Structure formats: C-alpha cells, structure tokens
Amino acid sequence: LVEGKISGTGEIFFTPLTSTLAKSYD
C-alpha cells in the first residue's frame, strides 16, 4: 500500500514496540 484514501471509515489497531529497531539498506 503506497497510499489509500478512506471512503467510509478506517479502523486500525496499532501496537507500539518498546524496543527501538531500525532498517538498513540491503
């Protein structure tokens, strides 16, 4: 998903993580 515009509703559950992880270029 690059982007999407909501037409009705969007219900999203978000769980934060306490550890700090990072991505690097492969």
PDB file of all heavy atoms in Angstrom:
ATOM      1  N   LEU A   1       0.838  -1.197   0.000  1.00  0.00           N
ATOM      2  CA  LEU A   1       0.000   0.000   0.000  1.00  0.00           C
ATOM      3  C   LEU A   1       0.872   1.246   0.000  1.00  0.00           C
ATOM      4  O   LEU A   1       1.542   1.546   0.987  1.00  0.00           O
ATOM      5  CB  LEU A   1      -0.928   0.015   1.216  1.00  0.00           C
ATOM      6  CG  LEU A   1      -1.832   1.243   1.338  1.00  0.00           C
ATOM      7  CD1 LEU A   1      -2.877   1.254   0.223  1.00  0.00           C
ATOM      8  CD2 LEU A   1      -2.502   1.276   2.700  1.00  0.00           C
ATOM      9  N   VAL A   2       0.892   1.952  -1.127  1.00  0.00           N
ATOM     10  CA  VAL A   2       1.592   3.226  -1.207  1.00  0.00           C
ATOM     11  C   VAL A   2       0.762   4.270  -0.458  1.00  0.00           C
ATOM     12  O   VAL A   2       1.272   4.999   0.383  1.00  0.00           O
ATOM     13  CB  VAL A   2       1.837   3.644  -2.671  1.00  0.00           C
ATOM     14  CG1 VAL A   2       2.499   5.019  -2.742  1.00  0.00           C
ATOM     15  CG2 VAL A   2       2.679   2.594  -3.389  1.00  0.00           C
ATOM     16  N   GLU A   3      -0.546   4.314  -0.770  1.00  0.00           N
ATOM     17  CA  GLU A   3      -1.470   5.205  -0.071  1.00  0.00           C
ATOM     18  C   GLU A   3      -2.890   4.830  -0.435  1.00  0.00           C
ATOM     19  O   GLU A   3      -3.135   4.257  -1.492  1.00  0.00           O
ATOM     20  CB  GLU A   3      -1.203   6.674  -0.433  1.00  0.00           C
ATOM     21  CG  GLU A   3      -1.956   7.693   0.404  1.00  0.00           C
ATOM     22  CD  GLU A   3      -1.724   7.562   1.910  1.00  0.00           C
ATOM     23  OE1 GLU A   3      -2.426   6.730   2.552  1.00  0.00           O
ATOM     24  OE2 GLU A   3      -0.855   8.268   2.446  1.00  0.00           O
ATOM     25  N   GLY A   4      -3.816   5.141   0.450  1.00  0.00           N
ATOM     26  CA  GLY A   4      -5.226   4.883   0.211  1.00  0.00           C
ATOM     27  C   GLY A   4      -6.063   5.939   0.907  1.00  0.00           C
ATOM     28  O   GLY A   4      -5.759   6.327   2.030  1.00  0.00           O
ATOM     29  N   LYS A   5      -7.098   6.410   0.224  1.00  0.00           N
ATOM     30  CA  LYS A   5      -7.992   7.423   0.792  1.00  0.00           C
ATOM     31  C   LYS A   5      -9.269   6.756   1.281  1.00  0.00           C
ATOM     32  O   LYS A   5      -9.937   6.044   0.530  1.00  0.00           O
ATOM     33  CB  LYS A   5      -8.312   8.496  -0.245  1.00  0.00           C
ATOM     34  CG  LYS A   5      -9.056   9.691   0.354  1.00  0.00           C
ATOM     35  CD  LYS A   5      -9.316  10.749  -0.682  1.00  0.00           C
ATOM     36  CE  LYS A   5     -10.601  10.402  -1.370  1.00  0.00           C
ATOM     37  NZ  LYS A   5     -11.131  11.361  -2.277  1.00  0.00           N
ATOM     38  N   ILE A   6      -9.585   6.995   2.538  1.00  0.00           N
ATOM     39  CA  ILE A   6     -10.754   6.385   3.165  1.00  0.00           C
ATOM     40  C   ILE A   6     -12.041   6.951   2.569  1.00  0.00           C
ATOM     41  O   ILE A   6     -12.178   8.160   2.394  1.00  0.00           O
ATOM     42  CB  ILE A   6     -10.721   6.621   4.704  1.00  0.00           C
ATOM     43  CG1 ILE A   6      -9.528   5.913   5.334  1.00  0.00           C
ATOM     44  CG2 ILE A   6     -12.035   6.208   5.357  1.00  0.00           C
ATOM     45  CD1 ILE A   6      -9.567   4.399   5.266  1.00  0.00           C
ATOM     46  N   SER A   7     -12.990   6.055   2.273  1.00  0.00           N
ATOM     47  CA  SER A   7     -14.286   6.473   1.736  1.00  0.00           C
ATOM     48  C   SER A   7     -15.386   6.388   2.790  1.00  0.00           C
ATOM     49  O   SER A   7     -16.378   7.104   2.706  1.00  0.00           O
ATOM     50  CB  SER A   7     -14.676   5.622   0.531  1.00  0.00           C
ATOM     51  OG  SER A   7     -14.806   4.264   0.914  1.00  0.00           O
ATOM     52  N   GLY A   8     -15.237   5.508   3.744  1.00  0.00           N
ATOM     53  CA  GLY A   8     -16.233   5.353   4.808  1.00  0.00           C
ATOM     54  C   GLY A   8     -15.563   5.576   6.143  1.00  0.00           C
ATOM     55  O   GLY A   8     -15.654   6.639   6.751  1.00  0.00           O
ATOM     56  N   THR A   9     -14.840   4.558   6.566  1.00  0.00           N
ATOM     57  CA  THR A   9     -14.061   4.643   7.802  1.00  0.00           C
ATOM     58  C   THR A   9     -12.869   3.707   7.703  1.00  0.00           C
ATOM     59  O   THR A   9     -12.881   2.770   6.910  1.00  0.00           O
ATOM     60  CB  THR A   9     -14.919   4.287   9.043  1.00  0.00           C
ATOM     61  OG1 THR A   9     -14.168   4.548  10.232  1.00  0.00           O
ATOM     62  CG2 THR A   9     -15.343   2.829   9.028  1.00  0.00           C
ATOM     63  N   GLY A  10     -11.873   3.988   8.491  1.00  0.00           N
ATOM     64  CA  GLY A  10     -10.724   3.104   8.620  1.00  0.00           C
ATOM     65  C   GLY A  10     -10.504   2.860  10.100  1.00  0.00           C
ATOM     66  O   GLY A  10     -10.382   3.810  10.877  1.00  0.00           O
ATOM     67  N   GLU A  11     -10.515   1.609  10.499  1.00  0.00           N
ATOM     68  CA  GLU A  11     -10.326   1.229  11.903  1.00  0.00           C
ATOM     69  C   GLU A  11      -9.022   0.457  11.995  1.00  0.00           C
ATOM     70  O   GLU A  11      -8.908  -0.640  11.472  1.00  0.00           O
ATOM     71  CB  GLU A  11     -11.505   0.378  12.378  1.00  0.00           C
ATOM     72  CG  GLU A  11     -12.832   1.096  12.247  1.00  0.00           C
ATOM     73  CD  GLU A  11     -14.029   0.176  12.409  1.00  0.00           C
ATOM     74  OE1 GLU A  11     -13.862  -1.064  12.440  1.00  0.00           O
ATOM     75  OE2 GLU A  11     -15.149   0.706  12.489  1.00  0.00           O
ATOM     76  N   ILE A  12      -8.040   1.070  12.666  1.00  0.00           N
ATOM     77  CA  ILE A  12      -6.702   0.494  12.719  1.00  0.00           C
ATOM     78  C   ILE A  12      -6.263   0.311  14.159  1.00  0.00           C
ATOM     79  O   ILE A  12      -6.294   1.262  14.946  1.00  0.00           O
ATOM     80  CB  ILE A  12      -5.687   1.405  11.987  1.00  0.00           C
ATOM     81  CG1 ILE A  12      -6.107   1.604  10.516  1.00  0.00           C
ATOM     82  CG2 ILE A  12      -4.282   0.822  12.070  1.00  0.00           C
ATOM     83  CD1 ILE A  12      -5.307   2.664   9.785  1.00  0.00           C
ATOM     84  N   PHE A  13      -5.873  -0.904  14.509  1.00  0.00           N
ATOM     85  CA  PHE A  13      -5.269  -1.169  15.818  1.00  0.00           C
ATOM     86  C   PHE A  13      -3.765  -1.073  15.672  1.00  0.00           C
ATOM     87  O   PHE A  13      -3.176  -1.721  14.803  1.00  0.00           O
ATOM     88  CB  PHE A  13      -5.658  -2.560  16.342  1.00  0.00           C
ATOM     89  CG  PHE A  13      -7.005  -2.571  17.001  1.00  0.00           C
ATOM     90  CD1 PHE A  13      -8.127  -2.969  16.288  1.00  0.00           C
ATOM     91  CD2 PHE A  13      -7.149  -2.172  18.323  1.00  0.00           C
ATOM     92  CE1 PHE A  13      -9.374  -2.973  16.885  1.00  0.00           C
ATOM     93  CE2 PHE A  13      -8.392  -2.176  18.926  1.00  0.00           C
ATOM     94  CZ  PHE A  13      -9.513  -2.568  18.203  1.00  0.00           C
ATOM     95  N   PHE A  14      -3.147  -0.253  16.508  1.00  0.00           N
ATOM     96  CA  PHE A  14      -1.704  -0.015  16.447  1.00  0.00           C
ATOM     97  C   PHE A  14      -1.080  -0.417  17.775  1.00  0.00           C
ATOM     98  O   PHE A  14      -1.502   0.047  18.824  1.00  0.00           O
ATOM     99  CB  PHE A  14      -1.408   1.459  16.176  1.00  0.00           C
ATOM    100  CG  PHE A  14       0.041   1.720  15.887  1.00  0.00           C
ATOM    101  CD1 PHE A  14       0.494   1.823  14.594  1.00  0.00           C
ATOM    102  CD2 PHE A  14       0.968   1.827  16.917  1.00  0.00           C
ATOM    103  CE1 PHE A  14       1.834   2.031  14.322  1.00  0.00           C
ATOM    104  CE2 PHE A  14       2.311   2.041  16.666  1.00  0.00           C
ATOM    105  CZ  PHE A  14       2.745   2.144  15.359  1.00  0.00           C
ATOM    106  N   THR A  15      -0.061  -1.279  17.712  1.00  0.00           N
ATOM    107  CA  THR A  15       0.658  -1.708  18.903  1.00  0.00           C
ATOM    108  C   THR A  15       2.082  -1.180  18.841  1.00  0.00           C
ATOM    109  O   THR A  15       2.865  -1.595  17.980  1.00  0.00           O
ATOM    110  CB  THR A  15       0.686  -3.251  19.010  1.00  0.00           C
ATOM    111  OG1 THR A  15      -0.654  -3.747  19.004  1.00  0.00           O
ATOM    112  CG2 THR A  15       1.390  -3.697  20.277  1.00  0.00           C
ATOM    113  N   PRO A  16       2.429  -0.235  19.719  1.00  0.00           N
ATOM    114  CA  PRO A  16       3.807   0.264  19.731  1.00  0.00           C
ATOM    115  C   PRO A  16       4.745  -0.775  20.348  1.00  0.00           C
ATOM    116  O   PRO A  16       4.340  -1.572  21.191  1.00  0.00           O
ATOM    117  CB  PRO A  16       3.743   1.522  20.595  1.00  0.00           C
ATOM    118  CG  PRO A  16       2.472   1.444  21.338  1.00  0.00           C
ATOM    119  CD  PRO A  16       1.582   0.453  20.664  1.00  0.00           C
ATOM    120  N   LEU A  17       5.995  -0.756  19.924  1.00  0.00           N
ATOM    121  CA  LEU A  17       7.022  -1.622  20.498  1.00  0.00           C
ATOM    122  C   LEU A  17       7.945  -0.761  21.351  1.00  0.00           C
ATOM    123  O   LEU A  17       8.255   0.374  20.993  1.00  0.00           O
ATOM    124  CB  LEU A  17       7.819  -2.315  19.393  1.00  0.00           C
ATOM    125  CG  LEU A  17       7.011  -3.214  18.451  1.00  0.00           C
ATOM    126  CD1 LEU A  17       7.881  -3.718  17.313  1.00  0.00           C
ATOM    127  CD2 LEU A  17       6.398  -4.371  19.209  1.00  0.00           C
ATOM    128  N   THR A  18       8.386  -1.302  22.467  1.00  0.00           N
ATOM    129  CA  THR A  18       9.262  -0.528  23.351  1.00  0.00           C
ATOM    130  C   THR A  18      10.711  -0.573  22.891  1.00  0.00           C
ATOM    131  O   THR A  18      11.468   0.349  23.157  1.00  0.00           O
ATOM    132  CB  THR A  18       9.158  -1.044  24.806  1.00  0.00           C
ATOM    133  OG1 THR A  18       9.405  -2.443  24.813  1.00  0.00           O
ATOM    134  CG2 THR A  18       7.777  -0.763  25.372  1.00  0.00           C
ATOM    135  N   SER A  19      11.108  -1.612  22.207  1.00  0.00           N
ATOM    136  CA  SER A  19      12.467  -1.698  21.675  1.00  0.00           C
ATOM    137  C   SER A  19      12.590  -0.804  20.451  1.00  0.00           C
ATOM    138  O   SER A  19      11.654  -0.678  19.670  1.00  0.00           O
ATOM    139  CB  SER A  19      12.802  -3.133  21.259  1.00  0.00           C
ATOM    140  OG  SER A  19      12.705  -3.995  22.355  1.00  0.00           O
ATOM    141  N   THR A  20      13.743  -0.198  20.278  1.00  0.00           N
ATOM    142  CA  THR A  20      13.978   0.612  19.087  1.00  0.00           C
ATOM    143  C   THR A  20      14.744  -0.227  18.077  1.00  0.00           C
ATOM    144  O   THR A  20      15.886  -0.602  18.303  1.00  0.00           O
ATOM    145  CB  THR A  20      14.762   1.893  19.429  1.00  0.00           C
ATOM    146  OG1 THR A  20      14.004   2.635  20.384  1.00  0.00           O
ATOM    147  CG2 THR A  20      14.961   2.747  18.193  1.00  0.00           C
ATOM    148  N   LEU A  21      14.083  -0.525  16.984  1.00  0.00           N
ATOM    149  CA  LEU A  21      14.673  -1.294  15.891  1.00  0.00           C
ATOM    150  C   LEU A  21      14.788  -0.388  14.680  1.00  0.00           C
ATOM    151  O   LEU A  21      14.044   0.578  14.553  1.00  0.00           O
ATOM    152  CB  LEU A  21      13.801  -2.503  15.566  1.00  0.00           C
ATOM    153  CG  LEU A  21      13.513  -3.452  16.735  1.00  0.00           C
ATOM    154  CD1 LEU A  21      12.432  -4.436  16.343  1.00  0.00           C
ATOM    155  CD2 LEU A  21      14.772  -4.172  17.154  1.00  0.00           C
ATOM    156  N   ALA A  22      15.712  -0.697  13.798  1.00  0.00           N
ATOM    157  CA  ALA A  22      15.894   0.136  12.616  1.00  0.00           C
ATOM    158  C   ALA A  22      16.093  -0.721  11.377  1.00  0.00           C
ATOM    159  O   ALA A  22      16.479  -1.883  11.462  1.00  0.00           O
ATOM    160  CB  ALA A  22      17.095   1.054  12.807  1.00  0.00           C
ATOM    161  N   LYS A  23      15.811  -0.114  10.246  1.00  0.00           N
ATOM    162  CA  LYS A  23      16.034  -0.761   8.964  1.00  0.00           C
ATOM    163  C   LYS A  23      17.285  -0.175   8.329  1.00  0.00           C
ATOM    164  O   LYS A  23      17.639   0.984   8.553  1.00  0.00           O
ATOM    165  CB  LYS A  23      14.836  -0.530   8.038  1.00  0.00           C
ATOM    166  CG  LYS A  23      13.594  -1.274   8.479  1.00  0.00           C
ATOM    167  CD  LYS A  23      12.500  -1.169   7.443  1.00  0.00           C
ATOM    168  CE  LYS A  23      11.326  -2.057   7.838  1.00  0.00           C
ATOM    169  NZ  LYS A  23      10.328  -2.151   6.771  1.00  0.00           N
ATOM    170  N   SER A  24      17.957  -1.001   7.541  1.00  0.00           N
ATOM    171  CA  SER A  24      19.121  -0.527   6.792  1.00  0.00           C
ATOM    172  C   SER A  24      18.993  -1.037   5.358  1.00  0.00           C
ATOM    173  O   SER A  24      18.250  -1.981   5.076  1.00  0.00           O
ATOM    174  CB  SER A  24      20.420  -1.007   7.436  1.00  0.00           C
ATOM    175  OG  SER A  24      20.444  -2.418   7.480  1.00  0.00           O
ATOM    176  N   TYR A  25      19.721  -0.395   4.476  1.00  0.00           N
ATOM    177  CA  TYR A  25      19.659  -0.763   3.062  1.00  0.00           C
ATOM    178  C   TYR A  25      20.375  -2.087   2.832  1.00  0.00           C
ATOM    179  O   TYR A  25      21.503  -2.292   3.272  1.00  0.00           O
ATOM    180  CB  TYR A  25      20.298   0.333   2.198  1.00  0.00           C
ATOM    181  CG  TYR A  25      20.216   0.031   0.723  1.00  0.00           C
ATOM    182  CD1 TYR A  25      19.030   0.196   0.034  1.00  0.00           C
ATOM    183  CD2 TYR A  25      21.320  -0.438   0.035  1.00  0.00           C
ATOM    184  CE1 TYR A  25      18.944  -0.093  -1.318  1.00  0.00           C
ATOM    185  CE2 TYR A  25      21.253  -0.727  -1.328  1.00  0.00           C
ATOM    186  CZ  TYR A  25      20.059  -0.559  -1.990  1.00  0.00           C
ATOM    187  OH  TYR A  25      19.975  -0.852  -3.325  1.00  0.00           O
ATOM    188  N   ASP A  26      19.709  -2.997   2.119  1.00  0.00           N
ATOM    189  CA  ASP A  26      20.257  -4.301   1.781  1.00  0.00           C
ATOM    190  C   ASP A  26      20.645  -4.310   0.304  1.00  0.00           C
ATOM    191  O   ASP A  26      19.784  -4.170  -0.568  1.00  0.00           O
ATOM    192  CB  ASP A  26      19.208  -5.391   2.068  1.00  0.00           C
ATOM    193  CG  ASP A  26      19.698  -6.766   1.698  1.00  0.00           C
ATOM    194  OD1 ASP A  26      20.697  -7.217   2.277  1.00  0.00           O
ATOM    195  OD2 ASP A  26      19.076  -7.399   0.808  1.00  0.00           O
TER     196      ASP A  26
END
